[in-house]
Amino acid sequence: MIEEVLDARASEQDELHKKFYGVVVGKVILTTDPLMLGRVKVQVPFIDSADLAAWARVATPMAGLLSGQYMIPDLGDEVLVAFEHGDVNAPYILGCLWNATTPPPLPSPLPQIRAIRTPLGNQVAFREAPPAITITTPDMTQAAPGLPPGITLASNTMITLQCGATRLVLSPAGVTITAPAVTVTSTGAVSTSGTSVSLTGSGAVSLSAGGACSLTGSVVKIN
């Protein structure tokens, strides 16, 4: 019995001192890095025990002080692994791999489209022809705790939407719409309210109603 335990421990030590030059396909088995360095624990085929799996650093296009591209592989993801100087205790994840169980988010081939899609279905798609950027979110899905469903654009200064001569500006002072023409159409009621409301036209101003038309106020002046 003691010899079997010693043999098992010796076998584990042999696994820990293996050298492997090249790349291998591995599987992410843990994502909660105790050192908070963005690492994941990855298991590779020639190390049978999950206890011996090493923490792997994730290669990314950009990494700096509290900055960079943050896309950590998920639990169960298939990844391509390389080892520093062949040391199986120093793995690096070069990228993630699709397979029959986890296929790409978009059907192939779509050479005119580049997309980023999260597991919950939040997606940013870039289309080359005709050029377009599309942002989509799944219905009633929250991207993070505390955020309402939908798409939010937030700024402490100003947000500007512009198409040709039409311009919509949102600022802390209010909303400004500038356009050659503005049309407001509703299948129901239209309501406008404020501490004061001004309607001015540099030319003619027309007010009409298909039914009754009433004008009320504490004082009504018509000039």
C-alpha atoms as a PDB file:
ATOM      1  CA  MET A   1       0.000   0.000   0.000  1.00  0.00           C
ATOM      2  CA  ILE A   2       2.797   2.407   0.945  1.00  0.00           C
ATOM      3  CA  GLU A   3       4.659   1.519  -2.236  1.00  0.00           C
ATOM      4  CA  GLU A   4       1.564   2.314  -4.316  1.00  0.00           C
ATOM      5  CA  VAL A   5       1.225   5.737  -2.666  1.00  0.00           C
ATOM      6  CA  LEU A   6       4.917   6.469  -3.225  1.00  0.00           C
ATOM      7  CA  ASP A   7       4.663   5.366  -6.848  1.00  0.00           C
ATOM      8  CA  ALA A   8       1.616   7.626  -7.358  1.00  0.00           C
ATOM      9  CA  ARG A   9       3.453  10.599  -5.853  1.00  0.00           C
ATOM     10  CA  ALA A  10       6.496   9.895  -8.004  1.00  0.00           C
ATOM     11  CA  SER A  11       4.267   9.753 -11.061  1.00  0.00           C
ATOM     12  CA  GLU A  12       2.737  13.127 -10.134  1.00  0.00           C
ATOM     13  CA  GLN A  13       6.196  14.635  -9.732  1.00  0.00           C
ATOM     14  CA  ASP A  14       7.178  13.275 -13.155  1.00  0.00           C
ATOM     15  CA  GLU A  15       4.125  14.960 -14.678  1.00  0.00           C
ATOM     16  CA  LEU A  16       5.030  18.268 -13.052  1.00  0.00           C
ATOM     17  CA  HIS A  17       8.542  18.150 -14.517  1.00  0.00           C
ATOM     18  CA  LYS A  18       7.550  17.210 -18.052  1.00  0.00           C
ATOM     19  CA  LYS A  19       8.728  19.307 -20.965  1.00  0.00           C
ATOM     20  CA  PHE A  20       6.438  19.920 -23.918  1.00  0.00           C
ATOM     21  CA  TYR A  21       7.574  22.008 -26.858  1.00  0.00           C
ATOM     22  CA  GLY A  22       4.866  23.170 -29.210  1.00  0.00           C
ATOM     23  CA  VAL A  23       1.160  23.781 -28.679  1.00  0.00           C
ATOM     24  CA  VAL A  24      -1.621  21.611 -27.309  1.00  0.00           C
ATOM     25  CA  VAL A  25      -5.401  21.883 -26.993  1.00  0.00           C
ATOM     26  CA  GLY A  26      -6.579  22.345 -23.411  1.00  0.00           C
ATOM     27  CA  LYS A  27      -9.774  22.995 -21.475  1.00  0.00           C
ATOM     28  CA  VAL A  28     -10.492  25.789 -18.997  1.00  0.00           C
ATOM     29  CA  ILE A  29     -11.494  24.277 -15.650  1.00  0.00           C
ATOM     30  CA  LEU A  30     -11.342  27.322 -13.343  1.00  0.00           C
ATOM     31  CA  THR A  31     -11.624  31.084 -13.915  1.00  0.00           C
ATOM     32  CA  THR A  32     -11.437  32.574 -10.402  1.00  0.00           C
ATOM     33  CA  ASP A  33      -7.774  33.567 -10.254  1.00  0.00           C
ATOM     34  CA  PRO A  34      -6.781  33.938  -6.564  1.00  0.00           C
ATOM     35  CA  LEU A  35      -4.124  36.506  -7.533  1.00  0.00           C
ATOM     36  CA  MET A  36      -6.571  38.454  -9.758  1.00  0.00           C
ATOM     37  CA  LEU A  37      -4.115  38.494 -12.666  1.00  0.00           C
ATOM     38  CA  GLY A  38      -6.608  37.492 -15.337  1.00  0.00           C
ATOM     39  CA  ARG A  39      -5.347  33.896 -15.427  1.00  0.00           C
ATOM     40  CA  VAL A  40      -7.395  30.737 -15.874  1.00  0.00           C
ATOM     41  CA  LYS A  41      -6.615  27.196 -14.804  1.00  0.00           C
ATOM     42  CA  VAL A  42      -6.260  24.937 -17.831  1.00  0.00           C
ATOM     43  CA  GLN A  43      -6.099  21.162 -18.104  1.00  0.00           C
ATOM     44  CA  VAL A  44      -4.147  19.529 -20.927  1.00  0.00           C
ATOM     45  CA  PRO A  45      -4.367  15.915 -22.156  1.00  0.00           C
ATOM     46  CA  PHE A  46      -1.031  14.647 -20.796  1.00  0.00           C
ATOM     47  CA  ILE A  47      -1.785  15.823 -17.224  1.00  0.00           C
ATOM     48  CA  ASP A  48      -4.612  13.618 -15.999  1.00  0.00           C
ATOM     49  CA  SER A  49      -5.167  15.103 -12.550  1.00  0.00           C
ATOM     50  CA  ALA A  50      -7.146  18.349 -12.334  1.00  0.00           C
ATOM     51  CA  ASP A  51      -5.229  19.113  -9.123  1.00  0.00           C
ATOM     52  CA  LEU A  52      -2.017  19.350 -11.149  1.00  0.00           C
ATOM     53  CA  ALA A  53      -3.476  21.740 -13.733  1.00  0.00           C
ATOM     54  CA  ALA A  54      -1.564  25.018 -13.848  1.00  0.00           C
ATOM     55  CA  TRP A  55      -2.730  28.630 -13.943  1.00  0.00           C
ATOM     56  CA  ALA A  56      -2.263  29.991 -17.451  1.00  0.00           C
ATOM     57  CA  ARG A  57      -1.673  33.599 -18.443  1.00  0.00           C
ATOM     58  CA  VAL A  58      -3.906  34.762 -21.290  1.00  0.00           C
ATOM     59  CA  ALA A  59      -2.292  36.390 -24.333  1.00  0.00           C
ATOM     60  CA  THR A  60      -4.239  39.448 -25.475  1.00  0.00           C
ATOM     61  CA  PRO A  61      -3.674  42.124 -28.163  1.00  0.00           C
ATOM     62  CA  MET A  62      -3.310  44.810 -25.501  1.00  0.00           C
ATOM     63  CA  ALA A  63      -2.388  44.692 -21.803  1.00  0.00           C
ATOM     64  CA  GLY A  64      -1.248  47.601 -19.643  1.00  0.00           C
ATOM     65  CA  LEU A  65      -1.694  49.151 -16.217  1.00  0.00           C
ATOM     66  CA  LEU A  66      -5.437  48.807 -15.539  1.00  0.00           C
ATOM     67  CA  SER A  67      -5.994  48.885 -19.309  1.00  0.00           C
ATOM     68  CA  GLY A  68      -6.182  46.581 -22.287  1.00  0.00           C
ATOM     69  CA  GLN A  69      -8.542  44.167 -23.985  1.00  0.00           C
ATOM     70  CA  TYR A  70     -10.386  42.195 -21.307  1.00  0.00           C
ATOM     71  CA  MET A  71     -11.778  38.952 -22.717  1.00  0.00           C
ATOM     72  CA  ILE A  72     -11.131  36.026 -20.383  1.00  0.00           C
ATOM     73  CA  PRO A  73     -11.995  32.494 -21.595  1.00  0.00           C
ATOM     74  CA  ASP A  74     -15.049  30.966 -19.958  1.00  0.00           C
ATOM     75  CA  LEU A  75     -15.311  27.781 -17.949  1.00  0.00           C
ATOM     76  CA  GLY A  76     -15.256  24.797 -20.305  1.00  0.00           C
ATOM     77  CA  ASP A  77     -13.799  26.712 -23.269  1.00  0.00           C
ATOM     78  CA  GLU A  78     -11.392  24.880 -25.546  1.00  0.00           C
ATOM     79  CA  VAL A  79      -8.115  26.798 -25.781  1.00  0.00           C
ATOM     80  CA  LEU A  80      -4.774  26.583 -27.567  1.00  0.00           C
ATOM     81  CA  VAL A  81      -1.930  26.334 -25.039  1.00  0.00           C
ATOM     82  CA  ALA A  82       1.833  26.845 -25.307  1.00  0.00           C
ATOM     83  CA  PHE A  83       4.466  26.456 -22.583  1.00  0.00           C
ATOM     84  CA  GLU A  84       7.328  28.771 -21.634  1.00  0.00           C
ATOM     85  CA  HIS A  85      10.570  26.972 -22.600  1.00  0.00           C
ATOM     86  CA  GLY A  86       8.532  23.762 -22.624  1.00  0.00           C
ATOM     87  CA  ASP A  87       7.712  23.995 -18.903  1.00  0.00           C
ATOM     88  CA  VAL A  88       4.228  22.531 -18.375  1.00  0.00           C
ATOM     89  CA  ASN A  89       3.960  24.564 -15.157  1.00  0.00           C
ATOM     90  CA  ALA A  90       4.146  27.820 -17.157  1.00  0.00           C
ATOM     91  CA  PRO A  91       1.328  27.636 -19.713  1.00  0.00           C
ATOM     92  CA  TYR A  92       0.095  30.487 -21.893  1.00  0.00           C
ATOM     93  CA  ILE A  93      -3.273  30.608 -23.636  1.00  0.00           C
ATOM     94  CA  LEU A  94      -2.794  31.781 -27.218  1.00  0.00           C
ATOM     95  CA  GLY A  95      -6.482  31.816 -28.098  1.00  0.00           C
ATOM     96  CA  CYS A  96      -9.810  29.999 -27.969  1.00  0.00           C
ATOM     97  CA  LEU A  97     -11.090  27.358 -30.399  1.00  0.00           C
ATOM     98  CA  TRP A  98     -14.520  26.610 -31.819  1.00  0.00           C
ATOM     99  CA  ASN A  99     -15.600  23.011 -32.216  1.00  0.00           C
ATOM    100  CA  ALA A 100     -18.693  20.926 -32.936  1.00  0.00           C
ATOM    101  CA  THR A 101     -20.036  21.511 -29.411  1.00  0.00           C
ATOM    102  CA  THR A 102     -19.341  25.257 -29.382  1.00  0.00           C
ATOM    103  CA  PRO A 103     -19.738  26.500 -32.993  1.00  0.00           C
ATOM    104  CA  PRO A 104     -19.142  30.108 -34.153  1.00  0.00           C
ATOM    105  CA  PRO A 105     -21.853  32.686 -33.301  1.00  0.00           C
ATOM    106  CA  LEU A 106     -22.450  33.475 -36.991  1.00  0.00           C
ATOM    107  CA  PRO A 107     -22.829  31.059 -39.912  1.00  0.00           C
ATOM    108  CA  SER A 108     -19.776  30.646 -42.126  1.00  0.00           C
ATOM    109  CA  PRO A 109     -18.588  31.965 -44.448  1.00  0.00           C
ATOM    110  CA  LEU A 110     -19.401  35.641 -43.908  1.00  0.00           C
ATOM    111  CA  PRO A 111     -16.243  37.427 -45.124  1.00  0.00           C
ATOM    112  CA  GLN A 112     -17.922  40.854 -45.024  1.00  0.00           C
ATOM    113  CA  ILE A 113     -18.817  40.680 -41.317  1.00  0.00           C
ATOM    114  CA  ARG A 114     -16.689  40.870 -38.171  1.00  0.00           C
ATOM    115  CA  ALA A 115     -18.467  40.434 -34.846  1.00  0.00           C
ATOM    116  CA  ILE A 116     -17.958  40.207 -31.089  1.00  0.00           C
ATOM    117  CA  ARG A 117     -20.654  38.230 -29.272  1.00  0.00           C
ATOM    118  CA  THR A 118     -20.914  37.359 -25.576  1.00  0.00           C
ATOM    119  CA  PRO A 119     -22.347  34.079 -24.252  1.00  0.00           C
ATOM    120  CA  LEU A 120     -25.594  35.875 -23.279  1.00  0.00           C
ATOM    121  CA  GLY A 121     -26.085  37.247 -26.798  1.00  0.00           C
ATOM    122  CA  ASN A 122     -24.815  40.842 -26.568  1.00  0.00           C
ATOM    123  CA  GLN A 123     -23.241  41.559 -29.945  1.00  0.00           C
ATOM    124  CA  VAL A 124     -21.328  44.211 -31.870  1.00  0.00           C
ATOM    125  CA  ALA A 125     -21.141  43.486 -35.611  1.00  0.00           C
ATOM    126  CA  PHE A 126     -19.083  45.355 -38.222  1.00  0.00           C
ATOM    127  CA  ARG A 127     -20.271  44.985 -41.811  1.00  0.00           C
ATOM    128  CA  GLU A 128     -17.933  45.936 -44.640  1.00  0.00           C
ATOM    129  CA  ALA A 129     -20.387  46.159 -47.555  1.00  0.00           C
ATOM    130  CA  PRO A 130     -22.482  48.162 -47.235  1.00  0.00           C
ATOM    131  CA  PRO A 131     -20.578  49.675 -44.274  1.00  0.00           C
ATOM    132  CA  ALA A 132     -22.506  49.462 -40.994  1.00  0.00           C
ATOM    133  CA  ILE A 133     -22.038  48.875 -37.275  1.00  0.00           C
ATOM    134  CA  THR A 134     -24.827  47.035 -35.462  1.00  0.00           C
ATOM    135  CA  ILE A 135     -25.208  46.703 -31.688  1.00  0.00           C
ATOM    136  CA  THR A 136     -27.746  44.160 -30.461  1.00  0.00           C
ATOM    137  CA  THR A 137     -28.778  42.857 -27.040  1.00  0.00           C
ATOM    138  CA  PRO A 138     -31.094  39.980 -26.150  1.00  0.00           C
ATOM    139  CA  ASP A 139     -34.563  40.893 -24.896  1.00  0.00           C
ATOM    140  CA  MET A 140     -34.808  41.367 -21.137  1.00  0.00           C
ATOM    141  CA  THR A 141     -31.174  40.430 -20.558  1.00  0.00           C
ATOM    142  CA  GLN A 142     -29.023  42.453 -18.192  1.00  0.00           C
ATOM    143  CA  ALA A 143     -25.375  42.795 -19.177  1.00  0.00           C
ATOM    144  CA  ALA A 144     -24.398  43.375 -15.541  1.00  0.00           C
ATOM    145  CA  PRO A 145     -26.165  43.689 -12.169  1.00  0.00           C
ATOM    146  CA  GLY A 146     -27.817  47.080 -11.787  1.00  0.00           C
ATOM    147  CA  LEU A 147     -28.034  47.840 -15.499  1.00  0.00           C
ATOM    148  CA  PRO A 148     -31.499  47.909 -17.102  1.00  0.00           C
ATOM    149  CA  PRO A 149     -32.226  45.889 -20.249  1.00  0.00           C
ATOM    150  CA  GLY A 150     -31.391  47.598 -23.529  1.00  0.00           C
ATOM    151  CA  ILE A 151     -28.568  49.785 -24.821  1.00  0.00           C
ATOM    152  CA  THR A 152     -27.335  52.781 -22.836  1.00  0.00           C
ATOM    153  CA  LEU A 153     -25.085  55.609 -24.048  1.00  0.00           C
ATOM    154  CA  ALA A 154     -23.816  57.644 -21.103  1.00  0.00           C
ATOM    155  CA  SER A 155     -21.696  60.801 -20.916  1.00  0.00           C
ATOM    156  CA  ASN A 156     -21.090  63.530 -18.353  1.00  0.00           C
ATOM    157  CA  THR A 157     -20.640  66.157 -21.078  1.00  0.00           C
ATOM    158  CA  MET A 158     -22.349  65.600 -24.429  1.00  0.00           C
ATOM    159  CA  ILE A 159     -23.699  62.941 -26.805  1.00  0.00           C
ATOM    160  CA  THR A 160     -24.155  63.875 -30.465  1.00  0.00           C
ATOM    161  CA  LEU A 161     -25.973  61.872 -33.143  1.00  0.00           C
ATOM    162  CA  GLN A 162     -25.619  63.234 -36.655  1.00  0.00           C
ATOM    163  CA  CYS A 163     -26.802  62.140 -40.097  1.00  0.00           C
ATOM    164  CA  GLY A 164     -26.064  64.648 -42.849  1.00  0.00           C
ATOM    165  CA  ALA A 165     -27.617  67.981 -41.863  1.00  0.00           C
ATOM    166  CA  THR A 166     -29.730  66.393 -39.111  1.00  0.00           C
ATOM    167  CA  ARG A 167     -28.193  66.629 -35.664  1.00  0.00           C
ATOM    168  CA  LEU A 168     -29.348  65.516 -32.206  1.00  0.00           C
ATOM    169  CA  VAL A 169     -27.346  66.797 -29.246  1.00  0.00           C
ATOM    170  CA  LEU A 170     -27.844  65.624 -25.655  1.00  0.00           C
ATOM    171  CA  SER A 171     -26.135  67.675 -22.957  1.00  0.00           C
ATOM    172  CA  PRO A 172     -26.660  68.347 -19.243  1.00  0.00           C
ATOM    173  CA  ALA A 173     -28.515  71.538 -20.274  1.00  0.00           C
ATOM    174  CA  GLY A 174     -31.069  69.776 -22.475  1.00  0.00           C
ATOM    175  CA  VAL A 175     -31.770  68.265 -25.896  1.00  0.00           C
ATOM    176  CA  THR A 176     -31.266  70.140 -29.167  1.00  0.00           C
ATOM    177  CA  ILE A 177     -32.548  68.905 -32.530  1.00  0.00           C
ATOM    178  CA  THR A 178     -31.378  70.626 -35.701  1.00  0.00           C
ATOM    179  CA  ALA A 179     -32.694  69.430 -39.060  1.00  0.00           C
ATOM    180  CA  PRO A 180     -34.010  70.665 -42.417  1.00  0.00           C
ATOM    181  CA  ALA A 181     -37.409  69.292 -41.348  1.00  0.00           C
ATOM    182  CA  VAL A 182     -38.783  67.564 -38.261  1.00  0.00           C
ATOM    183  CA  THR A 183     -41.820  65.304 -38.356  1.00  0.00           C
ATOM    184  CA  VAL A 184     -43.499  63.927 -35.238  1.00  0.00           C
ATOM    185  CA  THR A 185     -46.142  61.259 -35.833  1.00  0.00           C
ATOM    186  CA  SER A 186     -47.991  59.221 -33.247  1.00  0.00           C
ATOM    187  CA  THR A 187     -50.758  56.637 -33.527  1.00  0.00           C
ATOM    188  CA  GLY A 188     -51.938  57.825 -30.103  1.00  0.00           C
ATOM    189  CA  ALA A 189     -51.797  61.066 -28.152  1.00  0.00           C
ATOM    190  CA  VAL A 190     -48.961  63.590 -28.325  1.00  0.00           C
ATOM    191  CA  SER A 191     -48.236  65.571 -25.167  1.00  0.00           C
ATOM    192  CA  THR A 192     -45.881  68.528 -24.684  1.00  0.00           C
ATOM    193  CA  SER A 193     -45.386  70.043 -21.236  1.00  0.00           C
ATOM    194  CA  GLY A 194     -42.997  72.378 -19.464  1.00  0.00           C
ATOM    195  CA  THR A 195     -42.854  75.371 -17.124  1.00  0.00           C
ATOM    196  CA  SER A 196     -43.186  77.442 -20.303  1.00  0.00           C
ATOM    197  CA  VAL A 197     -43.843  76.349 -23.882  1.00  0.00           C
ATOM    198  CA  SER A 198     -43.020  78.520 -26.901  1.00  0.00           C
ATOM    199  CA  LEU A 199     -44.083  77.885 -30.501  1.00  0.00           C
ATOM    200  CA  THR A 200     -42.490  80.268 -32.999  1.00  0.00           C
ATOM    201  CA  GLY A 201     -42.321  80.320 -36.765  1.00  0.00           C
ATOM    202  CA  SER A 202     -40.277  82.728 -38.883  1.00  0.00           C
ATOM    203  CA  GLY A 203     -42.989  82.334 -41.524  1.00  0.00           C
ATOM    204  CA  ALA A 204     -46.528  80.999 -41.270  1.00  0.00           C
ATOM    205  CA  VAL A 205     -47.752  78.996 -38.275  1.00  0.00           C
ATOM    206  CA  SER A 206     -50.758  76.730 -38.715  1.00  0.00           C
ATOM    207  CA  LEU A 207     -52.783  75.006 -35.999  1.00  0.00           C
ATOM    208  CA  SER A 208     -55.616  72.704 -37.068  1.00  0.00           C
ATOM    209  CA  ALA A 209     -57.740  69.926 -35.622  1.00  0.00           C
ATOM    210  CA  GLY A 210     -60.039  67.338 -37.161  1.00  0.00           C
ATOM    211  CA  GLY A 211     -62.346  67.690 -34.148  1.00  0.00           C
ATOM    212  CA  ALA A 212     -62.911  70.316 -31.483  1.00  0.00           C
ATOM    213  CA  CYS A 213     -60.109  72.806 -30.825  1.00  0.00           C
ATOM    214  CA  SER A 214     -59.846  74.563 -27.479  1.00  0.00           C
ATOM    215  CA  LEU A 215     -57.476  77.217 -26.182  1.00  0.00           C
ATOM    216  CA  THR A 216     -57.508  77.837 -22.437  1.00  0.00           C
ATOM    217  CA  GLY A 217     -55.421  79.766 -19.944  1.00  0.00           C
ATOM    218  CA  SER A 218     -55.699  82.134 -17.004  1.00  0.00           C
ATOM    219  CA  VAL A 219     -55.261  84.927 -19.558  1.00  0.00           C
ATOM    220  CA  VAL A 220     -55.586  84.385 -23.324  1.00  0.00           C
ATOM    221  CA  LYS A 221     -54.192  87.064 -25.622  1.00  0.00           C
ATOM    222  CA  ILE A 222     -54.641  86.904 -29.384  1.00  0.00           C
ATOM    223  CA  ASN A 223     -52.949  89.564 -31.469  1.00  0.00           C
END
